[in-house]
Amino acid sequence: MTERNTNSRLLEMLQHVERSRPMAVDKSPLYRRRLGARAASMPPAELLPVGKAELMRGFDDWATDRDIHLDEIHRFIADPGNSLRRCGHWAALLIAA
């Protein structure tokens, strides 16, 4: 990938963050706690990354859909009969690490 393509992709990602931030803060208790009152005005450079371990520990608060819960997903993917079915209006996949 060229430097120009890399910069273009980075700009696209930053724009996506800016468009998504209001919804994430509104619907995700985890992001509300992390970003606090400054969420709307915080420059992208000040947004700290969230690690996978933290996201998984707080999955139910991370998900912006308040109807999805990690324990339900675990039960759903534990049943081999669900391998090609949807979990509500979501697709749930088990990916081995």
N, C-alpha and C. Protein backbone atom coordinates (compact mmCIF):
# COMPACT_ATOMS: atom_id res chain seq x y z
N MET A 1 0.85 -1.17 0.00
CA MET A 1 0.00 0.00 0.00
C MET A 1 0.90 1.24 0.00
N THR A 2 0.57 2.19 -0.82
CA THR A 2 1.38 3.40 -0.91
C THR A 2 1.10 4.33 0.26
N GLU A 3 2.00 5.28 0.49
CA GLU A 3 1.81 6.24 1.58
C GLU A 3 0.53 7.05 1.35
N ARG A 4 0.27 7.38 0.10
CA ARG A 4 -0.94 8.15 -0.21
C ARG A 4 -2.19 7.34 0.14
N ASN A 5 -2.20 6.06 -0.22
CA ASN A 5 -3.33 5.20 0.12
C ASN A 5 -3.48 5.05 1.63
N THR A 6 -2.35 4.90 2.31
CA THR A 6 -2.38 4.77 3.77
C THR A 6 -2.96 6.03 4.40
N ASN A 7 -2.52 7.18 3.95
CA ASN A 7 -3.04 8.44 4.49
C ASN A 7 -4.52 8.61 4.19
N SER A 8 -4.94 8.20 3.00
CA SER A 8 -6.34 8.28 2.63
C SER A 8 -7.19 7.37 3.52
N ARG A 9 -6.70 6.17 3.76
CA ARG A 9 -7.42 5.22 4.62
C ARG A 9 -7.49 5.73 6.05
N LEU A 10 -6.41 6.30 6.55
CA LEU A 10 -6.40 6.87 7.90
C LEU A 10 -7.42 8.00 8.01
N LEU A 11 -7.48 8.86 7.01
CA LEU A 11 -8.45 9.95 7.02
C LEU A 11 -9.87 9.41 7.03
N GLU A 12 -10.14 8.38 6.24
CA GLU A 12 -11.47 7.75 6.23
C GLU A 12 -11.82 7.21 7.61
N MET A 13 -10.86 6.57 8.27
CA MET A 13 -11.11 6.01 9.60
C MET A 13 -11.40 7.12 10.61
N LEU A 14 -10.65 8.21 10.56
CA LEU A 14 -10.88 9.33 11.47
C LEU A 14 -12.25 9.96 11.23
N GLN A 15 -12.64 10.07 9.98
CA GLN A 15 -13.96 10.62 9.66
C GLN A 15 -15.06 9.70 10.18
N HIS A 16 -14.85 8.39 10.08
CA HIS A 16 -15.82 7.43 10.60
C HIS A 16 -15.95 7.58 12.12
N VAL A 17 -14.82 7.74 12.81
CA VAL A 17 -14.84 7.94 14.26
C VAL A 17 -15.67 9.18 14.59
N GLU A 18 -15.44 10.25 13.87
CA GLU A 18 -16.17 11.49 14.13
C GLU A 18 -17.67 11.33 13.89
N ARG A 19 -18.05 10.61 12.84
CA ARG A 19 -19.48 10.39 12.57
C ARG A 19 -20.11 9.46 13.60
N SER A 20 -19.35 8.49 14.08
CA SER A 20 -19.89 7.46 14.98
C SER A 20 -19.91 7.88 16.45
N ARG A 21 -19.06 8.82 16.81
CA ARG A 21 -18.89 9.16 18.22
C ARG A 21 -20.20 9.56 18.92
N PRO A 22 -21.04 10.44 18.35
CA PRO A 22 -22.27 10.81 19.07
C PRO A 22 -23.15 9.60 19.38
N MET A 23 -23.31 8.68 18.42
CA MET A 23 -24.14 7.50 18.65
C MET A 23 -23.50 6.59 19.69
N ALA A 24 -22.20 6.41 19.62
CA ALA A 24 -21.52 5.53 20.58
C ALA A 24 -21.67 6.06 22.00
N VAL A 25 -21.50 7.36 22.18
CA VAL A 25 -21.62 7.95 23.51
C VAL A 25 -23.06 7.88 24.00
N ASP A 26 -24.01 8.10 23.09
CA ASP A 26 -25.42 8.08 23.46
C ASP A 26 -25.89 6.68 23.85
N LYS A 27 -25.42 5.65 23.15
CA LYS A 27 -25.96 4.31 23.33
C LYS A 27 -25.06 3.33 24.08
N SER A 28 -23.83 3.70 24.34
CA SER A 28 -22.89 2.78 25.00
C SER A 28 -22.43 3.34 26.35
N PRO A 29 -22.88 2.73 27.45
CA PRO A 29 -22.41 3.19 28.76
C PRO A 29 -20.88 3.14 28.89
N LEU A 30 -20.24 2.16 28.27
CA LEU A 30 -18.78 2.07 28.35
C LEU A 30 -18.13 3.32 27.74
N TYR A 31 -18.57 3.72 26.56
CA TYR A 31 -17.98 4.90 25.94
C TYR A 31 -18.37 6.18 26.69
N ARG A 32 -19.57 6.22 27.24
CA ARG A 32 -19.96 7.39 28.05
C ARG A 32 -19.02 7.55 29.23
N ARG A 33 -18.72 6.44 29.90
CA ARG A 33 -17.80 6.50 31.05
C ARG A 33 -16.40 6.90 30.61
N ARG A 34 -15.93 6.32 29.52
CA ARG A 34 -14.56 6.60 29.06
C ARG A 34 -14.40 8.02 28.55
N LEU A 35 -15.38 8.53 27.83
CA LEU A 35 -15.25 9.84 27.20
C LEU A 35 -15.82 10.98 28.04
N GLY A 36 -16.82 10.67 28.85
CA GLY A 36 -17.36 11.67 29.76
C GLY A 36 -17.98 12.87 29.05
N ALA A 37 -18.05 13.97 29.78
CA ALA A 37 -18.73 15.18 29.31
C ALA A 37 -18.05 15.81 28.10
N ARG A 38 -16.77 15.54 27.92
CA ARG A 38 -16.03 16.15 26.81
C ARG A 38 -16.19 15.38 25.51
N ALA A 39 -16.97 14.35 25.49
CA ALA A 39 -17.05 13.46 24.33
C ALA A 39 -17.26 14.20 23.02
N ALA A 40 -18.17 15.13 22.99
CA ALA A 40 -18.50 15.80 21.73
C ALA A 40 -17.39 16.71 21.24
N SER A 41 -16.63 17.28 22.16
CA SER A 41 -15.62 18.27 21.76
C SER A 41 -14.19 17.74 21.78
N MET A 42 -14.01 16.51 22.20
CA MET A 42 -12.66 15.95 22.32
C MET A 42 -12.03 15.74 20.94
N PRO A 43 -10.84 16.28 20.71
CA PRO A 43 -10.16 16.06 19.42
C PRO A 43 -9.84 14.57 19.24
N PRO A 44 -9.91 14.07 18.01
CA PRO A 44 -9.62 12.65 17.77
C PRO A 44 -8.28 12.19 18.33
N ALA A 45 -7.29 13.05 18.32
CA ALA A 45 -5.96 12.67 18.82
C ALA A 45 -5.98 12.36 20.31
N GLU A 46 -6.98 12.85 21.03
CA GLU A 46 -7.08 12.59 22.47
C GLU A 46 -7.89 11.35 22.80
N LEU A 47 -8.52 10.75 21.80
CA LEU A 47 -9.29 9.53 22.03
C LEU A 47 -8.32 8.37 22.22
N LEU A 48 -8.35 7.78 23.38
CA LEU A 48 -7.46 6.65 23.66
C LEU A 48 -8.07 5.36 23.12
N PRO A 49 -7.24 4.49 22.58
CA PRO A 49 -7.77 3.21 22.08
C PRO A 49 -8.31 2.36 23.23
N VAL A 50 -9.25 1.51 22.91
CA VAL A 50 -9.83 0.59 23.87
C VAL A 50 -9.36 -0.80 23.47
N GLY A 51 -8.76 -1.53 24.39
CA GLY A 51 -8.26 -2.87 24.09
C GLY A 51 -9.37 -3.91 24.07
N LYS A 52 -9.10 -5.00 23.38
CA LYS A 52 -10.07 -6.08 23.26
C LYS A 52 -10.47 -6.62 24.63
N ALA A 53 -9.51 -6.78 25.54
CA ALA A 53 -9.82 -7.33 26.87
C ALA A 53 -10.83 -6.44 27.59
N GLU A 54 -10.64 -5.13 27.53
CA GLU A 54 -11.58 -4.21 28.19
C GLU A 54 -12.95 -4.27 27.52
N LEU A 55 -12.97 -4.33 26.20
CA LEU A 55 -14.25 -4.41 25.49
C LEU A 55 -15.00 -5.68 25.85
N MET A 56 -14.30 -6.80 25.92
CA MET A 56 -14.98 -8.06 26.23
C MET A 56 -15.43 -8.11 27.68
N ARG A 57 -14.64 -7.55 28.61
CA ARG A 57 -15.06 -7.50 30.02
C ARG A 57 -16.34 -6.68 30.17
N GLY A 58 -16.47 -5.63 29.39
CA GLY A 58 -17.63 -4.76 29.49
C GLY A 58 -18.54 -4.85 28.28
N PHE A 59 -18.63 -6.05 27.68
CA PHE A 59 -19.36 -6.20 26.42
C PHE A 59 -20.77 -5.62 26.47
N ASP A 60 -21.52 -5.95 27.52
CA ASP A 60 -22.91 -5.50 27.57
C ASP A 60 -23.01 -3.98 27.62
N ASP A 61 -22.03 -3.33 28.22
CA ASP A 61 -22.02 -1.86 28.24
C ASP A 61 -21.38 -1.27 27.00
N TRP A 62 -20.58 -2.05 26.31
CA TRP A 62 -19.92 -1.59 25.08
C TRP A 62 -20.89 -1.58 23.91
N ALA A 63 -21.68 -2.65 23.79
CA ALA A 63 -22.60 -2.78 22.65
C ALA A 63 -23.56 -1.59 22.61
N THR A 64 -23.70 -1.00 21.44
CA THR A 64 -24.61 0.13 21.31
C THR A 64 -26.06 -0.33 21.14
N ASP A 65 -26.28 -1.61 20.90
CA ASP A 65 -27.62 -2.18 20.88
C ASP A 65 -27.88 -2.72 22.28
N ARG A 66 -28.75 -2.09 23.03
CA ARG A 66 -28.99 -2.45 24.42
C ARG A 66 -29.68 -3.81 24.56
N ASP A 67 -30.11 -4.42 23.45
CA ASP A 67 -30.79 -5.72 23.50
C ASP A 67 -29.84 -6.89 23.31
N ILE A 68 -28.56 -6.65 23.09
CA ILE A 68 -27.62 -7.74 22.87
C ILE A 68 -26.77 -7.93 24.13
N HIS A 69 -26.61 -9.20 24.54
CA HIS A 69 -25.88 -9.50 25.78
C HIS A 69 -24.94 -10.68 25.54
N LEU A 70 -23.75 -10.60 26.10
CA LEU A 70 -22.72 -11.60 25.84
C LEU A 70 -23.14 -13.00 26.28
N ASP A 71 -23.83 -13.13 27.41
CA ASP A 71 -24.23 -14.47 27.85
C ASP A 71 -25.20 -15.10 26.85
N GLU A 72 -26.07 -14.31 26.24
CA GLU A 72 -26.99 -14.83 25.22
C GLU A 72 -26.23 -15.26 23.97
N ILE A 73 -25.21 -14.50 23.60
CA ILE A 73 -24.40 -14.86 22.44
C ILE A 73 -23.66 -16.16 22.71
N HIS A 74 -23.10 -16.31 23.91
CA HIS A 74 -22.39 -17.56 24.25
C HIS A 74 -23.33 -18.76 24.17
N ARG A 75 -24.55 -18.62 24.70
CA ARG A 75 -25.52 -19.72 24.62
C ARG A 75 -25.86 -20.02 23.16
N PHE A 76 -26.03 -18.98 22.37
CA PHE A 76 -26.39 -19.15 20.96
C PHE A 76 -25.30 -19.90 20.19
N ILE A 77 -24.06 -19.48 20.35
CA ILE A 77 -22.98 -20.12 19.57
C ILE A 77 -22.60 -21.49 20.11
N ALA A 78 -23.02 -21.81 21.34
CA ALA A 78 -22.73 -23.13 21.91
C ALA A 78 -23.56 -24.22 21.23
N ASP A 79 -24.66 -23.84 20.60
CA ASP A 79 -25.54 -24.80 19.93
C ASP A 79 -25.11 -24.93 18.47
N PRO A 80 -24.54 -26.09 18.07
CA PRO A 80 -24.08 -26.26 16.68
C PRO A 80 -25.21 -26.07 15.65
N GLY A 81 -26.43 -26.28 16.07
CA GLY A 81 -27.57 -26.10 15.16
C GLY A 81 -27.78 -24.65 14.75
N ASN A 82 -27.15 -23.73 15.45
CA ASN A 82 -27.30 -22.31 15.14
C ASN A 82 -26.24 -21.79 14.18
N SER A 83 -25.39 -22.67 13.65
CA SER A 83 -24.22 -22.22 12.90
C SER A 83 -24.57 -21.33 11.70
N LEU A 84 -25.71 -21.52 11.09
CA LEU A 84 -26.08 -20.70 9.93
C LEU A 84 -27.30 -19.82 10.21
N ARG A 85 -27.67 -19.69 11.47
CA ARG A 85 -28.83 -18.89 11.83
C ARG A 85 -28.39 -17.57 12.44
N ARG A 86 -29.30 -16.63 12.42
CA ARG A 86 -29.03 -15.33 13.02
C ARG A 86 -29.43 -15.34 14.49
N CYS A 87 -28.74 -14.54 15.28
CA CYS A 87 -29.03 -14.37 16.71
C CYS A 87 -29.83 -13.07 16.81
N GLY A 88 -31.17 -13.19 16.78
CA GLY A 88 -31.99 -11.99 16.70
C GLY A 88 -31.76 -11.36 15.33
N HIS A 89 -31.45 -10.08 15.30
CA HIS A 89 -31.16 -9.43 14.01
C HIS A 89 -29.66 -9.31 13.77
N TRP A 90 -28.88 -10.05 14.56
CA TRP A 90 -27.42 -10.03 14.43
C TRP A 90 -26.90 -11.39 13.97
N ALA A 91 -25.75 -11.37 13.33
CA ALA A 91 -25.02 -12.60 13.02
C ALA A 91 -23.99 -12.79 14.13
N ALA A 92 -23.92 -13.98 14.69
CA ALA A 92 -22.95 -14.27 15.76
C ALA A 92 -22.02 -15.36 15.27
N LEU A 93 -20.73 -15.11 15.33
CA LEU A 93 -19.74 -16.07 14.87
C LEU A 93 -18.76 -16.39 15.98
N LEU A 94 -18.36 -17.64 16.05
CA LEU A 94 -17.31 -18.05 16.99
C LEU A 94 -16.03 -18.19 16.18
N ILE A 95 -15.05 -17.40 16.52
CA ILE A 95 -13.77 -17.44 15.83
C ILE A 95 -12.71 -17.88 16.82
N ALA A 96 -12.05 -18.98 16.51
CA ALA A 96 -11.01 -19.49 17.41
C ALA A 96 -9.81 -18.55 17.40
N ALA A 97 -9.26 -18.34 18.58
CA ALA A 97 -8.09 -17.44 18.69
C ALA A 97 -6.82 -18.18 18.34
